[in-house]
């Protein structure tokens, strides 16, 4: 009796029961040195690398003194192989394609940045 097909089916079923494993993900900011949070949890200072769960989208916030808060969302994709056992909306069939993201930070304007020569001249009404 050939047990290979049975063993293959058992391994595939076991693999389908698990959520995708965490993956390494890197967040860069321009300029570097921003505090990063992912889905409300501290992730580190950019450039920051760590493990993220792949079963849901990533909500990323970057904060640095003197710069506006910036954010980004990294969506999940559907695994075609895992949808054989799960629906495409099930966390067990979702994964994150990207390995990294770069978030640009805009500087907060200060009084030193104000240049009155850029304004039109005042005209009386």
PDB file of N, CA and C in Angstrom:
ATOM      1  N   UNK A   1       0.839  -1.180   0.000  1.00  0.00           N
ATOM      2  CA  UNK A   1       0.000   0.000   0.000  1.00  0.00           C
ATOM      3  C   UNK A   1       0.884   1.244   0.000  1.00  0.00           C
ATOM      4  N   UNK A   2       0.624   2.168  -0.913  1.00  0.00           N
ATOM      5  CA  UNK A   2       1.388   3.397  -1.018  1.00  0.00           C
ATOM      6  C   UNK A   2       0.827   4.423  -0.042  1.00  0.00           C
ATOM      7  N   UNK A   3       1.624   4.845   0.938  1.00  0.00           N
ATOM      8  CA  UNK A   3       1.156   5.775   1.964  1.00  0.00           C
ATOM      9  C   UNK A   3       1.514   7.225   1.630  1.00  0.00           C
ATOM     10  N   UNK A   4       2.240   7.448   0.557  1.00  0.00           N
ATOM     11  CA  UNK A   4       2.665   8.795   0.211  1.00  0.00           C
ATOM     12  C   UNK A   4       1.485   9.761   0.009  1.00  0.00           C
ATOM     13  N   UNK A   5       0.445   9.403  -0.772  1.00  0.00           N
ATOM     14  CA  UNK A   5      -0.680  10.337  -0.938  1.00  0.00           C
ATOM     15  C   UNK A   5      -1.377  10.645   0.385  1.00  0.00           C
ATOM     16  N   UNK A   6      -1.519   9.654   1.243  1.00  0.00           N
ATOM     17  CA  UNK A   6      -2.169   9.865   2.538  1.00  0.00           C
ATOM     18  C   UNK A   6      -1.324  10.785   3.416  1.00  0.00           C
ATOM     19  N   UNK A   7      -0.005  10.567   3.426  1.00  0.00           N
ATOM     20  CA  UNK A   7       0.895  11.394   4.210  1.00  0.00           C
ATOM     21  C   UNK A   7       0.902  12.834   3.688  1.00  0.00           C
ATOM     22  N   UNK A   8       0.903  13.007   2.382  1.00  0.00           N
ATOM     23  CA  UNK A   8       0.872  14.332   1.778  1.00  0.00           C
ATOM     24  C   UNK A   8      -0.405  15.068   2.148  1.00  0.00           C
ATOM     25  N   UNK A   9      -1.538  14.399   2.072  1.00  0.00           N
ATOM     26  CA  UNK A   9      -2.821  15.014   2.426  1.00  0.00           C
ATOM     27  C   UNK A   9      -2.855  15.397   3.897  1.00  0.00           C
ATOM     28  N   UNK A  10      -2.310  14.560   4.759  1.00  0.00           N
ATOM     29  CA  UNK A  10      -2.289  14.851   6.195  1.00  0.00           C
ATOM     30  C   UNK A  10      -1.411  16.071   6.483  1.00  0.00           C
ATOM     31  N   UNK A  11      -0.264  16.167   5.840  1.00  0.00           N
ATOM     32  CA  UNK A  11       0.627  17.321   6.032  1.00  0.00           C
ATOM     33  C   UNK A  11      -0.030  18.604   5.527  1.00  0.00           C
ATOM     34  N   UNK A  12      -0.692  18.537   4.389  1.00  0.00           N
ATOM     35  CA  UNK A  12      -1.372  19.712   3.834  1.00  0.00           C
ATOM     36  C   UNK A  12      -2.498  20.166   4.749  1.00  0.00           C
ATOM     37  N   UNK A  13      -3.251  19.236   5.293  1.00  0.00           N
ATOM     38  CA  UNK A  13      -4.342  19.587   6.204  1.00  0.00           C
ATOM     39  C   UNK A  13      -3.798  20.211   7.477  1.00  0.00           C
ATOM     40  N   UNK A  14      -2.700  19.684   8.007  1.00  0.00           N
ATOM     41  CA  UNK A  14      -2.096  20.224   9.215  1.00  0.00           C
ATOM     42  C   UNK A  14      -1.579  21.640   8.961  1.00  0.00           C
ATOM     43  N   UNK A  15      -0.954  21.860   7.830  1.00  0.00           N
ATOM     44  CA  UNK A  15      -0.425  23.186   7.500  1.00  0.00           C
ATOM     45  C   UNK A  15      -1.556  24.189   7.331  1.00  0.00           C
ATOM     46  N   UNK A  16      -2.670  23.763   6.810  1.00  0.00           N
ATOM     47  CA  UNK A  16      -3.788  24.664   6.572  1.00  0.00           C
ATOM     48  C   UNK A  16      -4.461  25.095   7.864  1.00  0.00           C
ATOM     49  N   UNK A  17      -4.289  24.355   8.936  1.00  0.00           N
ATOM     50  CA  UNK A  17      -4.943  24.663  10.202  1.00  0.00           C
ATOM     51  C   UNK A  17      -4.241  25.793  10.944  1.00  0.00           C
ATOM     52  N   UNK A  18      -3.032  26.128  10.563  1.00  0.00           N
ATOM     53  CA  UNK A  18      -2.275  27.118  11.293  1.00  0.00           C
ATOM     54  C   UNK A  18      -2.308  28.465  10.589  1.00  0.00           C
ATOM     55  N   UNK A  19      -2.253  29.525  11.400  1.00  0.00           N
ATOM     56  CA  UNK A  19      -2.134  30.872  10.869  1.00  0.00           C
ATOM     57  C   UNK A  19      -0.716  31.020  10.339  1.00  0.00           C
ATOM     58  N   UNK A  20      -0.543  31.859   9.322  1.00  0.00           N
ATOM     59  CA  UNK A  20       0.789  32.077   8.762  1.00  0.00           C
ATOM     60  C   UNK A  20       1.748  32.487   9.881  1.00  0.00           C
ATOM     61  N   UNK A  21       2.980  32.001   9.871  1.00  0.00           N
ATOM     62  CA  UNK A  21       3.921  32.333  10.940  1.00  0.00           C
ATOM     63  C   UNK A  21       4.312  33.813  10.892  1.00  0.00           C
ATOM     64  N   UNK A  22       4.757  34.365  12.031  1.00  0.00           N
ATOM     65  CA  UNK A  22       5.216  35.758  12.017  1.00  0.00           C
ATOM     66  C   UNK A  22       6.372  35.919  11.024  1.00  0.00           C
ATOM     67  N   UNK A  23       6.499  37.129  10.465  1.00  0.00           N
ATOM     68  CA  UNK A  23       7.572  37.380   9.516  1.00  0.00           C
ATOM     69  C   UNK A  23       8.353  38.612   9.932  1.00  0.00           C
ATOM     70  N   UNK A  24       9.586  38.704   9.449  1.00  0.00           N
ATOM     71  CA  UNK A  24      10.403  39.884   9.691  1.00  0.00           C
ATOM     72  C   UNK A  24       9.872  41.036   8.852  1.00  0.00           C
ATOM     73  N   UNK A  25       9.747  42.208   9.469  1.00  0.00           N
ATOM     74  CA  UNK A  25       9.234  43.394   8.788  1.00  0.00           C
ATOM     75  C   UNK A  25      10.070  44.586   9.231  1.00  0.00           C
ATOM     76  N   UNK A  26      10.411  45.470   8.288  1.00  0.00           N
ATOM     77  CA  UNK A  26      11.240  46.638   8.579  1.00  0.00           C
ATOM     78  C   UNK A  26      10.481  47.912   8.238  1.00  0.00           C
ATOM     79  N   UNK A  27      10.565  48.892   9.142  1.00  0.00           N
ATOM     80  CA  UNK A  27       9.966  50.208   8.920  1.00  0.00           C
ATOM     81  C   UNK A  27      11.092  51.232   8.868  1.00  0.00           C
ATOM     82  N   UNK A  28      11.171  51.945   7.733  1.00  0.00           N
ATOM     83  CA  UNK A  28      12.121  53.044   7.556  1.00  0.00           C
ATOM     84  C   UNK A  28      11.323  54.345   7.592  1.00  0.00           C
ATOM     85  N   UNK A  29      11.962  55.419   8.061  1.00  0.00           N
ATOM     86  CA  UNK A  29      11.369  56.744   7.941  1.00  0.00           C
ATOM     87  C   UNK A  29      12.414  57.687   7.368  1.00  0.00           C
ATOM     88  N   UNK A  30      11.946  58.743   6.736  1.00  0.00           N
ATOM     89  CA  UNK A  30      12.833  59.777   6.225  1.00  0.00           C
ATOM     90  C   UNK A  30      12.407  61.071   6.895  1.00  0.00           C
ATOM     91  N   UNK A  31      13.180  61.624   7.846  1.00  0.00           N
ATOM     92  CA  UNK A  31      14.466  61.149   8.342  1.00  0.00           C
ATOM     93  C   UNK A  31      14.293  59.997   9.332  1.00  0.00           C
ATOM     94  N   UNK A  32      15.414  59.332   9.623  1.00  0.00           N
ATOM     95  CA  UNK A  32      15.394  58.213  10.572  1.00  0.00           C
ATOM     96  C   UNK A  32      15.224  58.726  11.999  1.00  0.00           C
ATOM     97  N   UNK A  33      14.981  57.787  12.919  1.00  0.00           N
ATOM     98  CA  UNK A  33      14.908  58.131  14.335  1.00  0.00           C
ATOM     99  C   UNK A  33      13.506  58.341  14.875  1.00  0.00           C
ATOM    100  N   UNK A  34      12.497  57.977  14.118  1.00  0.00           N
ATOM    101  CA  UNK A  34      11.120  58.131  14.579  1.00  0.00           C
ATOM    102  C   UNK A  34      10.706  56.921  15.418  1.00  0.00           C
ATOM    103  N   UNK A  35       9.849  57.165  16.401  1.00  0.00           N
ATOM    104  CA  UNK A  35       9.275  56.077  17.195  1.00  0.00           C
ATOM    105  C   UNK A  35       8.161  55.433  16.395  1.00  0.00           C
ATOM    106  N   UNK A  36       8.200  54.113  16.282  1.00  0.00           N
ATOM    107  CA  UNK A  36       7.251  53.366  15.459  1.00  0.00           C
ATOM    108  C   UNK A  36       6.320  52.549  16.348  1.00  0.00           C
ATOM    109  N   UNK A  37       5.031  52.600  16.038  1.00  0.00           N
ATOM    110  CA  UNK A  37       4.059  51.690  16.657  1.00  0.00           C
ATOM    111  C   UNK A  37       3.334  50.960  15.532  1.00  0.00           C
ATOM    112  N   UNK A  38       3.064  49.681  15.764  1.00  0.00           N
ATOM    113  CA  UNK A  38       2.308  48.881  14.801  1.00  0.00           C
ATOM    114  C   UNK A  38       1.112  48.289  15.530  1.00  0.00           C
ATOM    115  N   UNK A  39      -0.068  48.586  15.013  1.00  0.00           N
ATOM    116  CA  UNK A  39      -1.338  48.142  15.618  1.00  0.00           C
ATOM    117  C   UNK A  39      -1.388  48.496  17.104  1.00  0.00           C
ATOM    118  N   UNK A  40      -0.901  49.709  17.435  1.00  0.00           N
ATOM    119  CA  UNK A  40      -0.969  50.213  18.794  1.00  0.00           C
ATOM    120  C   UNK A  40       0.120  49.728  19.728  1.00  0.00           C
ATOM    121  N   UNK A  41       1.057  48.899  19.256  1.00  0.00           N
ATOM    122  CA  UNK A  41       2.124  48.376  20.111  1.00  0.00           C
ATOM    123  C   UNK A  41       3.468  48.953  19.675  1.00  0.00           C
ATOM    124  N   UNK A  42       4.320  49.351  20.647  1.00  0.00           N
ATOM    125  CA  UNK A  42       5.647  49.877  20.282  1.00  0.00           C
ATOM    126  C   UNK A  42       6.428  48.854  19.456  1.00  0.00           C
ATOM    127  N   UNK A  43       7.111  49.356  18.416  1.00  0.00           N
ATOM    128  CA  UNK A  43       7.861  48.483  17.514  1.00  0.00           C
ATOM    129  C   UNK A  43       9.348  48.821  17.511  1.00  0.00           C
ATOM    130  N   UNK A  44       9.695  50.054  17.911  1.00  0.00           N
ATOM    131  CA  UNK A  44      11.100  50.442  17.936  1.00  0.00           C
ATOM    132  C   UNK A  44      11.311  51.809  17.314  1.00  0.00           C
ATOM    133  N   UNK A  45      12.575  52.162  17.112  1.00  0.00           N
ATOM    134  CA  UNK A  45      12.961  53.425  16.504  1.00  0.00           C
ATOM    135  C   UNK A  45      13.490  53.139  15.105  1.00  0.00           C
ATOM    136  N   UNK A  46      13.022  53.930  14.137  1.00  0.00           N
ATOM    137  CA  UNK A  46      13.375  53.644  12.745  1.00  0.00           C
ATOM    138  C   UNK A  46      14.855  53.886  12.472  1.00  0.00           C
ATOM    139  N   UNK A  47      15.468  53.061  11.645  1.00  0.00           N
ATOM    140  CA  UNK A  47      14.875  51.892  10.990  1.00  0.00           C
ATOM    141  C   UNK A  47      14.672  50.763  12.001  1.00  0.00           C
ATOM    142  N   UNK A  48      13.454  50.259  12.074  1.00  0.00           N
ATOM    143  CA  UNK A  48      13.104  49.223  13.052  1.00  0.00           C
ATOM    144  C   UNK A  48      12.744  47.934  12.331  1.00  0.00           C
ATOM    145  N   UNK A  49      13.282  46.822  12.819  1.00  0.00           N
ATOM    146  CA  UNK A  49      12.983  45.507  12.261  1.00  0.00           C
ATOM    147  C   UNK A  49      12.515  44.604  13.383  1.00  0.00           C
ATOM    148  N   UNK A  50      11.465  43.843  13.100  1.00  0.00           N
ATOM    149  CA  UNK A  50      10.952  42.900  14.084  1.00  0.00           C
ATOM    150  C   UNK A  50       9.959  41.957  13.452  1.00  0.00           C
ATOM    151  N   UNK A  51       9.402  41.074  14.249  1.00  0.00           N
ATOM    152  CA  UNK A  51       8.417  40.095  13.774  1.00  0.00           C
ATOM    153  C   UNK A  51       7.017  40.702  13.847  1.00  0.00           C
ATOM    154  N   UNK A  52       6.211  40.459  12.820  1.00  0.00           N
ATOM    155  CA  UNK A  52       4.808  40.886  12.809  1.00  0.00           C
ATOM    156  C   UNK A  52       3.929  39.687  12.471  1.00  0.00           C
ATOM    157  N   UNK A  53       2.721  39.689  13.048  1.00  0.00           N
ATOM    158  CA  UNK A  53       1.744  38.663  12.709  1.00  0.00           C
ATOM    159  C   UNK A  53       1.186  38.962  11.327  1.00  0.00           C
ATOM    160  N   UNK A  54       0.906  37.920  10.566  1.00  0.00           N
ATOM    161  CA  UNK A  54       0.444  38.100   9.191  1.00  0.00           C
ATOM    162  C   UNK A  54      -1.061  37.954   9.031  1.00  0.00           C
ATOM    163  N   UNK A  55      -1.793  37.703  10.120  1.00  0.00           N
ATOM    164  CA  UNK A  55      -3.213  37.419   9.988  1.00  0.00           C
ATOM    165  C   UNK A  55      -4.089  38.659   9.874  1.00  0.00           C
ATOM    166  N   UNK A  56      -3.520  39.870  10.039  1.00  0.00           N
ATOM    167  CA  UNK A  56      -4.299  41.091   9.877  1.00  0.00           C
ATOM    168  C   UNK A  56      -3.414  42.197   9.331  1.00  0.00           C
ATOM    169  N   UNK A  57      -4.055  43.223   8.770  1.00  0.00           N
ATOM    170  CA  UNK A  57      -3.323  44.358   8.222  1.00  0.00           C
ATOM    171  C   UNK A  57      -2.526  45.058   9.316  1.00  0.00           C
ATOM    172  N   UNK A  58      -1.473  45.770   8.897  1.00  0.00           N
ATOM    173  CA  UNK A  58      -0.638  46.506   9.838  1.00  0.00           C
ATOM    174  C   UNK A  58      -0.984  47.988   9.778  1.00  0.00           C
ATOM    175  N   UNK A  59      -1.339  48.563  10.917  1.00  0.00           N
ATOM    176  CA  UNK A  59      -1.542  50.003  11.040  1.00  0.00           C
ATOM    177  C   UNK A  59      -0.281  50.585  11.660  1.00  0.00           C
ATOM    178  N   UNK A  60       0.478  51.356  10.890  1.00  0.00           N
ATOM    179  CA  UNK A  60       1.788  51.830  11.328  1.00  0.00           C
ATOM    180  C   UNK A  60       1.739  53.341  11.570  1.00  0.00           C
ATOM    181  N   UNK A  61       2.260  53.780  12.733  1.00  0.00           N
ATOM    182  CA  UNK A  61       2.390  55.202  13.044  1.00  0.00           C
ATOM    183  C   UNK A  61       3.854  55.517  13.311  1.00  0.00           C
ATOM    184  N   UNK A  62       4.307  56.668  12.795  1.00  0.00           N
ATOM    185  CA  UNK A  62       5.677  57.132  13.010  1.00  0.00           C
ATOM    186  C   UNK A  62       5.615  58.515  13.645  1.00  0.00           C
ATOM    187  N   UNK A  63       6.331  58.700  14.778  1.00  0.00           N
ATOM    188  CA  UNK A  63       6.332  59.974  15.489  1.00  0.00           C
ATOM    189  C   UNK A  63       7.761  60.386  15.787  1.00  0.00           C
ATOM    190  N   UNK A  64       8.065  61.658  15.480  1.00  0.00           N
ATOM    191  CA  UNK A  64       9.385  62.210  15.784  1.00  0.00           C
ATOM    192  C   UNK A  64       9.209  63.673  16.139  1.00  0.00           C
ATOM    193  N   UNK A  65       9.909  64.117  17.178  1.00  0.00           N
ATOM    194  CA  UNK A  65       9.783  65.502  17.608  1.00  0.00           C
ATOM    195  C   UNK A  65      10.190  66.438  16.473  1.00  0.00           C
ATOM    196  N   UNK A  66       9.363  67.451  16.248  1.00  0.00           N
ATOM    197  CA  UNK A  66       9.624  68.413  15.187  1.00  0.00           C
ATOM    198  C   UNK A  66       9.019  68.017  13.851  1.00  0.00           C
ATOM    199  N   UNK A  67       8.352  66.852  13.818  1.00  0.00           N
ATOM    200  CA  UNK A  67       7.747  66.364  12.575  1.00  0.00           C
ATOM    201  C   UNK A  67       6.293  65.965  12.836  1.00  0.00           C
ATOM    202  N   UNK A  68       5.478  66.060  11.799  1.00  0.00           N
ATOM    203  CA  UNK A  68       4.085  65.640  11.911  1.00  0.00           C
ATOM    204  C   UNK A  68       4.003  64.119  12.043  1.00  0.00           C
ATOM    205  N   UNK A  69       2.988  63.653  12.769  1.00  0.00           N
ATOM    206  CA  UNK A  69       2.761  62.213  12.884  1.00  0.00           C
ATOM    207  C   UNK A  69       2.361  61.690  11.508  1.00  0.00           C
ATOM    208  N   UNK A  70       2.962  60.598  11.100  1.00  0.00           N
ATOM    209  CA  UNK A  70       2.652  60.009   9.790  1.00  0.00           C
ATOM    210  C   UNK A  70       2.246  58.555   9.997  1.00  0.00           C
ATOM    211  N   UNK A  71       1.439  58.067   9.093  1.00  0.00           N
ATOM    212  CA  UNK A  71       0.987  56.686   9.206  1.00  0.00           C
ATOM    213  C   UNK A  71       0.866  56.010   7.858  1.00  0.00           C
ATOM    214  N   UNK A  72       0.752  54.705   7.921  1.00  0.00           N
ATOM    215  CA  UNK A  72       0.581  53.901   6.705  1.00  0.00           C
ATOM    216  C   UNK A  72      -0.113  52.603   7.096  1.00  0.00           C
ATOM    217  N   UNK A  73      -0.744  51.988   6.119  1.00  0.00           N
ATOM    218  CA  UNK A  73      -1.393  50.689   6.322  1.00  0.00           C
ATOM    219  C   UNK A  73      -0.782  49.698   5.348  1.00  0.00           C
ATOM    220  N   UNK A  74      -0.429  48.529   5.864  1.00  0.00           N
ATOM    221  CA  UNK A  74       0.068  47.443   5.021  1.00  0.00           C
ATOM    222  C   UNK A  74      -1.015  46.369   5.029  1.00  0.00           C
ATOM    223  N   UNK A  75      -1.682  46.166   3.886  1.00  0.00           N
ATOM    224  CA  UNK A  75      -2.782  45.202   3.847  1.00  0.00           C
ATOM    225  C   UNK A  75      -2.287  43.756   3.751  1.00  0.00           C
ATOM    226  N   UNK A  76      -3.192  42.845   4.041  1.00  0.00           N
ATOM    227  CA  UNK A  76      -2.888  41.429   3.863  1.00  0.00           C
ATOM    228  C   UNK A  76      -3.370  40.988   2.484  1.00  0.00           C
ATOM    229  N   UNK A  77      -2.824  39.893   2.007  1.00  0.00           N
ATOM    230  CA  UNK A  77      -3.245  39.278   0.752  1.00  0.00           C
ATOM    231  C   UNK A  77      -3.818  37.900   1.063  1.00  0.00           C
ATOM    232  N   UNK A  78      -4.502  37.331   0.097  1.00  0.00           N
ATOM    233  CA  UNK A  78      -5.094  36.012   0.275  1.00  0.00           C
ATOM    234  C   UNK A  78      -4.192  34.946  -0.321  1.00  0.00           C
ATOM    235  N   UNK A  79      -3.934  33.904   0.451  1.00  0.00           N
ATOM    236  CA  UNK A  79      -3.165  32.766  -0.034  1.00  0.00           C
ATOM    237  C   UNK A  79      -4.086  31.864  -0.847  1.00  0.00           C
ATOM    238  N   UNK A  80      -3.748  31.657  -2.101  1.00  0.00           N
ATOM    239  CA  UNK A  80      -4.592  30.818  -2.958  1.00  0.00           C
ATOM    240  C   UNK A  80      -4.632  29.381  -2.466  1.00  0.00           C
ATOM    241  N   UNK A  81      -3.524  28.890  -1.934  1.00  0.00           N
ATOM    242  CA  UNK A  81      -3.488  27.503  -1.460  1.00  0.00           C
ATOM    243  C   UNK A  81      -4.306  27.319  -0.194  1.00  0.00           C
ATOM    244  N   UNK A  82      -4.269  28.295   0.698  1.00  0.00           N
ATOM    245  CA  UNK A  82      -4.991  28.156   1.956  1.00  0.00           C
ATOM    246  C   UNK A  82      -6.493  28.353   1.793  1.00  0.00           C
ATOM    247  N   UNK A  83      -6.936  28.982   0.704  1.00  0.00           N
ATOM    248  CA  UNK A  83      -8.376  29.154   0.505  1.00  0.00           C
ATOM    249  C   UNK A  83      -9.051  27.847   0.097  1.00  0.00           C
ATOM    250  N   UNK A  84      -8.265  26.811  -0.129  1.00  0.00           N
ATOM    251  CA  UNK A  84      -8.866  25.497  -0.375  1.00  0.00           C
ATOM    252  C   UNK A  84      -9.613  25.042   0.875  1.00  0.00           C
ATOM    253  N   UNK A  85      -9.044  25.372   2.065  1.00  0.00           N
ATOM    254  CA  UNK A  85      -9.663  24.955   3.331  1.00  0.00           C
ATOM    255  C   UNK A  85     -10.392  26.083   4.043  1.00  0.00           C
ATOM    256  N   UNK A  86     -10.001  27.335   3.781  1.00  0.00           N
ATOM    257  CA  UNK A  86     -10.569  28.478   4.498  1.00  0.00           C
ATOM    258  C   UNK A  86     -11.108  29.481   3.499  1.00  0.00           C
ATOM    259  N   UNK A  87     -12.006  30.345   3.949  1.00  0.00           N
ATOM    260  CA  UNK A  87     -12.494  31.412   3.074  1.00  0.00           C
ATOM    261  C   UNK A  87     -11.388  32.442   2.909  1.00  0.00           C
ATOM    262  N   UNK A  88     -11.523  33.276   1.892  1.00  0.00           N
ATOM    263  CA  UNK A  88     -10.478  34.268   1.637  1.00  0.00           C
ATOM    264  C   UNK A  88     -10.421  35.334   2.726  1.00  0.00           C
ATOM    265  N   UNK A  89     -11.471  35.472   3.545  1.00  0.00           N
ATOM    266  CA  UNK A  89     -11.478  36.467   4.617  1.00  0.00           C
ATOM    267  C   UNK A  89     -10.996  35.888   5.947  1.00  0.00           C
ATOM    268  N   UNK A  90     -10.771  34.608   6.001  1.00  0.00           N
ATOM    269  CA  UNK A  90     -10.299  33.977   7.237  1.00  0.00           C
ATOM    270  C   UNK A  90      -8.858  34.382   7.506  1.00  0.00           C
ATOM    271  N   UNK A  91      -8.525  34.709   8.782  1.00  0.00           N
ATOM    272  CA  UNK A  91      -7.136  35.039   9.107  1.00  0.00           C
ATOM    273  C   UNK A  91      -6.168  33.913   8.758  1.00  0.00           C
ATOM    274  N   UNK A  92      -6.662  32.684   8.698  1.00  0.00           N
ATOM    275  CA  UNK A  92      -5.795  31.550   8.408  1.00  0.00           C
ATOM    276  C   UNK A  92      -5.365  31.502   6.942  1.00  0.00           C
ATOM    277  N   UNK A  93      -6.032  32.277   6.087  1.00  0.00           N
ATOM    278  CA  UNK A  93      -5.641  32.272   4.678  1.00  0.00           C
ATOM    279  C   UNK A  93      -4.982  33.599   4.265  1.00  0.00           C
ATOM    280  N   UNK A  94      -4.698  34.479   5.227  1.00  0.00           N
ATOM    281  CA  UNK A  94      -4.127  35.800   4.929  1.00  0.00           C
ATOM    282  C   UNK A  94      -2.627  35.833   5.212  1.00  0.00           C
ATOM    283  N   UNK A  95      -1.913  36.672   4.464  1.00  0.00           N
ATOM    284  CA  UNK A  95      -0.495  36.874   4.703  1.00  0.00           C
ATOM    285  C   UNK A  95      -0.091  38.263   4.220  1.00  0.00           C
ATOM    286  N   UNK A  96       1.077  38.732   4.656  1.00  0.00           N
ATOM    287  CA  UNK A  96       1.590  40.041   4.267  1.00  0.00           C
ATOM    288  C   UNK A  96       2.688  39.828   3.235  1.00  0.00           C
ATOM    289  N   UNK A  97       2.525  40.487   2.082  1.00  0.00           N
ATOM    290  CA  UNK A  97       3.505  40.338   1.004  1.00  0.00           C
ATOM    291  C   UNK A  97       4.759  41.166   1.237  1.00  0.00           C
ATOM    292  N   UNK A  98       4.592  42.400   1.743  1.00  0.00           N
ATOM    293  CA  UNK A  98       5.716  43.316   1.891  1.00  0.00           C
ATOM    294  C   UNK A  98       6.652  42.891   3.017  1.00  0.00           C
ATOM    295  N   UNK A  99       7.936  43.203   2.841  1.00  0.00           N
ATOM    296  CA  UNK A  99       8.933  42.958   3.880  1.00  0.00           C
ATOM    297  C   UNK A  99       9.361  44.248   4.567  1.00  0.00           C
ATOM    298  N   UNK A 100       9.068  45.394   3.920  1.00  0.00           N
ATOM    299  CA  UNK A 100       9.471  46.675   4.487  1.00  0.00           C
ATOM    300  C   UNK A 100       8.621  47.802   3.921  1.00  0.00           C
ATOM    301  N   UNK A 101       8.685  48.946   4.604  1.00  0.00           N
ATOM    302  CA  UNK A 101       7.965  50.136   4.152  1.00  0.00           C
ATOM    303  C   UNK A 101       8.782  51.358   4.542  1.00  0.00           C
ATOM    304  N   UNK A 102       8.694  52.420   3.739  1.00  0.00           N
ATOM    305  CA  UNK A 102       9.345  53.693   4.047  1.00  0.00           C
ATOM    306  C   UNK A 102       8.267  54.751   4.194  1.00  0.00           C
ATOM    307  N   UNK A 103       8.302  55.479   5.321  1.00  0.00           N
ATOM    308  CA  UNK A 103       7.305  56.510   5.605  1.00  0.00           C
ATOM    309  C   UNK A 103       8.021  57.861   5.647  1.00  0.00           C
ATOM    310  N   UNK A 104       7.648  58.798   4.758  1.00  0.00           N
ATOM    311  CA  UNK A 104       8.247  60.136   4.809  1.00  0.00           C
ATOM    312  C   UNK A 104       7.598  60.969   5.916  1.00  0.00           C
ATOM    313  N   UNK A 105       8.404  61.759   6.609  1.00  0.00           N
ATOM    314  CA  UNK A 105       7.903  62.628   7.674  1.00  0.00           C
ATOM    315  C   UNK A 105       7.996  64.086   7.219  1.00  0.00           C
ATOM    316  N   UNK A 106       6.929  64.850   7.455  1.00  0.00           N
ATOM    317  CA  UNK A 106       6.908  66.268   7.104  1.00  0.00           C
ATOM    318  C   UNK A 106       7.267  67.088   8.338  1.00  0.00           C
ATOM    319  N   UNK A 107       8.169  68.048   8.162  1.00  0.00           N
ATOM    320  CA  UNK A 107       8.604  68.892   9.267  1.00  0.00           C
ATOM    321  C   UNK A 107       7.472  69.835   9.681  1.00  0.00           C
ATOM    322  N   UNK A 108       7.325  70.048  10.994  1.00  0.00           N
ATOM    323  CA  UNK A 108       6.338  70.998  11.510  1.00  0.00           C
ATOM    324  C   UNK A 108       6.896  72.398  11.302  1.00  0.00           C
ATOM    325  N   UNK A 109       6.127  73.282  10.656  1.00  0.00           N
ATOM    326  CA  UNK A 109       6.629  74.643  10.428  1.00  0.00           C
ATOM    327  C   UNK A 109       6.844  75.380  11.760  1.00  0.00           C
ATOM    328  N   UNK A 110       7.905  76.160  11.830  1.00  0.00           N
ATOM    329  CA  UNK A 110       8.212  76.960  13.013  1.00  0.00           C
ATOM    330  C   UNK A 110       8.292  78.424  12.611  1.00  0.00           C
ATOM    331  N   UNK A 111       8.467  79.329  13.593  1.00  0.00           N
ATOM    332  CA  UNK A 111       8.601  80.751  13.291  1.00  0.00           C
ATOM    333  C   UNK A 111       9.840  81.014  12.436  1.00  0.00           C
ATOM    334  N   UNK A 112      10.877  80.200  12.622  1.00  0.00           N
ATOM    335  CA  UNK A 112      12.084  80.373  11.822  1.00  0.00           C
ATOM    336  C   UNK A 112      11.832  80.053  10.345  1.00  0.00           C
ATOM    337  N   UNK A 113      10.822  79.211  10.085  1.00  0.00           N
ATOM    338  CA  UNK A 113      10.500  78.846   8.700  1.00  0.00           C
ATOM    339  C   UNK A 113       9.650  79.911   8.005  1.00  0.00           C
ATOM    340  N   UNK A 114       9.074  80.834   8.773  1.00  0.00           N
ATOM    341  CA  UNK A 114       8.177  81.849   8.225  1.00  0.00           C
ATOM    342  C   UNK A 114       8.975  82.864   7.428  1.00  0.00           C
ATOM    343  N   UNK A 115       8.586  83.100   6.197  1.00  0.00           N
ATOM    344  CA  UNK A 115       9.258  84.055   5.324  1.00  0.00           C
ATOM    345  C   UNK A 115       8.218  85.034   4.788  1.00  0.00           C
ATOM    346  N   UNK A 116       8.166  86.242   5.345  1.00  0.00           N
ATOM    347  CA  UNK A 116       7.128  87.189   4.916  1.00  0.00           C
ATOM    348  C   UNK A 116       7.247  87.591   3.451  1.00  0.00           C
ATOM    349  N   UNK A 117       8.393  87.427   2.834  1.00  0.00           N
ATOM    350  CA  UNK A 117       8.539  87.803   1.430  1.00  0.00           C
ATOM    351  C   UNK A 117       7.736  86.883   0.514  1.00  0.00           C
ATOM    352  N   UNK A 118       7.306  85.745   1.034  1.00  0.00           N
ATOM    353  CA  UNK A 118       6.539  84.821   0.209  1.00  0.00           C
ATOM    354  C   UNK A 118       5.049  85.169   0.177  1.00  0.00           C
ATOM    355  N   UNK A 119       4.643  86.098   1.057  1.00  0.00           N
ATOM    356  CA  UNK A 119       3.241  86.475   1.108  1.00  0.00           C
ATOM    357  C   UNK A 119       2.996  87.653   0.158  1.00  0.00           C
ATOM    358  N   UNK A 120       1.783  87.738  -0.399  1.00  0.00           N
ATOM    359  CA  UNK A 120       1.476  88.878  -1.258  1.00  0.00           C
ATOM    360  C   UNK A 120       1.396  90.151  -0.407  1.00  0.00           C
ATOM    361  N   UNK A 121       1.647  91.295  -0.986  1.00  0.00           N
ATOM    362  CA  UNK A 121       1.563  92.525  -0.223  1.00  0.00           C
ATOM    363  C   UNK A 121       0.125  92.775   0.243  1.00  0.00           C
ATOM    364  N   UNK A 122       0.013  93.420   1.394  1.00  0.00           N
ATOM    365  CA  UNK A 122      -1.307  93.727   1.968  1.00  0.00           C
ATOM    366  C   UNK A 122      -1.968  94.822   1.159  1.00  0.00           C
ATOM    367  N   UNK A 123      -3.238  94.623   0.849  1.00  0.00           N
ATOM    368  CA  UNK A 123      -4.001  95.638   0.140  1.00  0.00           C
ATOM    369  C   UNK A 123      -5.232  95.972   0.972  1.00  0.00           C
ATOM    370  N   UNK A 124      -5.501  97.259   1.111  1.00  0.00           N
ATOM    371  CA  UNK A 124      -6.668  97.678   1.885  1.00  0.00           C
ATOM    372  C   UNK A 124      -7.933  97.352   1.100  1.00  0.00           C
ATOM    373  N   UNK A 125      -8.972  96.926   1.819  1.00  0.00           N
ATOM    374  CA  UNK A 125     -10.229  96.601   1.129  1.00  0.00           C
ATOM    375  C   UNK A 125     -10.968  97.812   0.610  1.00  0.00           C
TER     376      UNK A 125
END
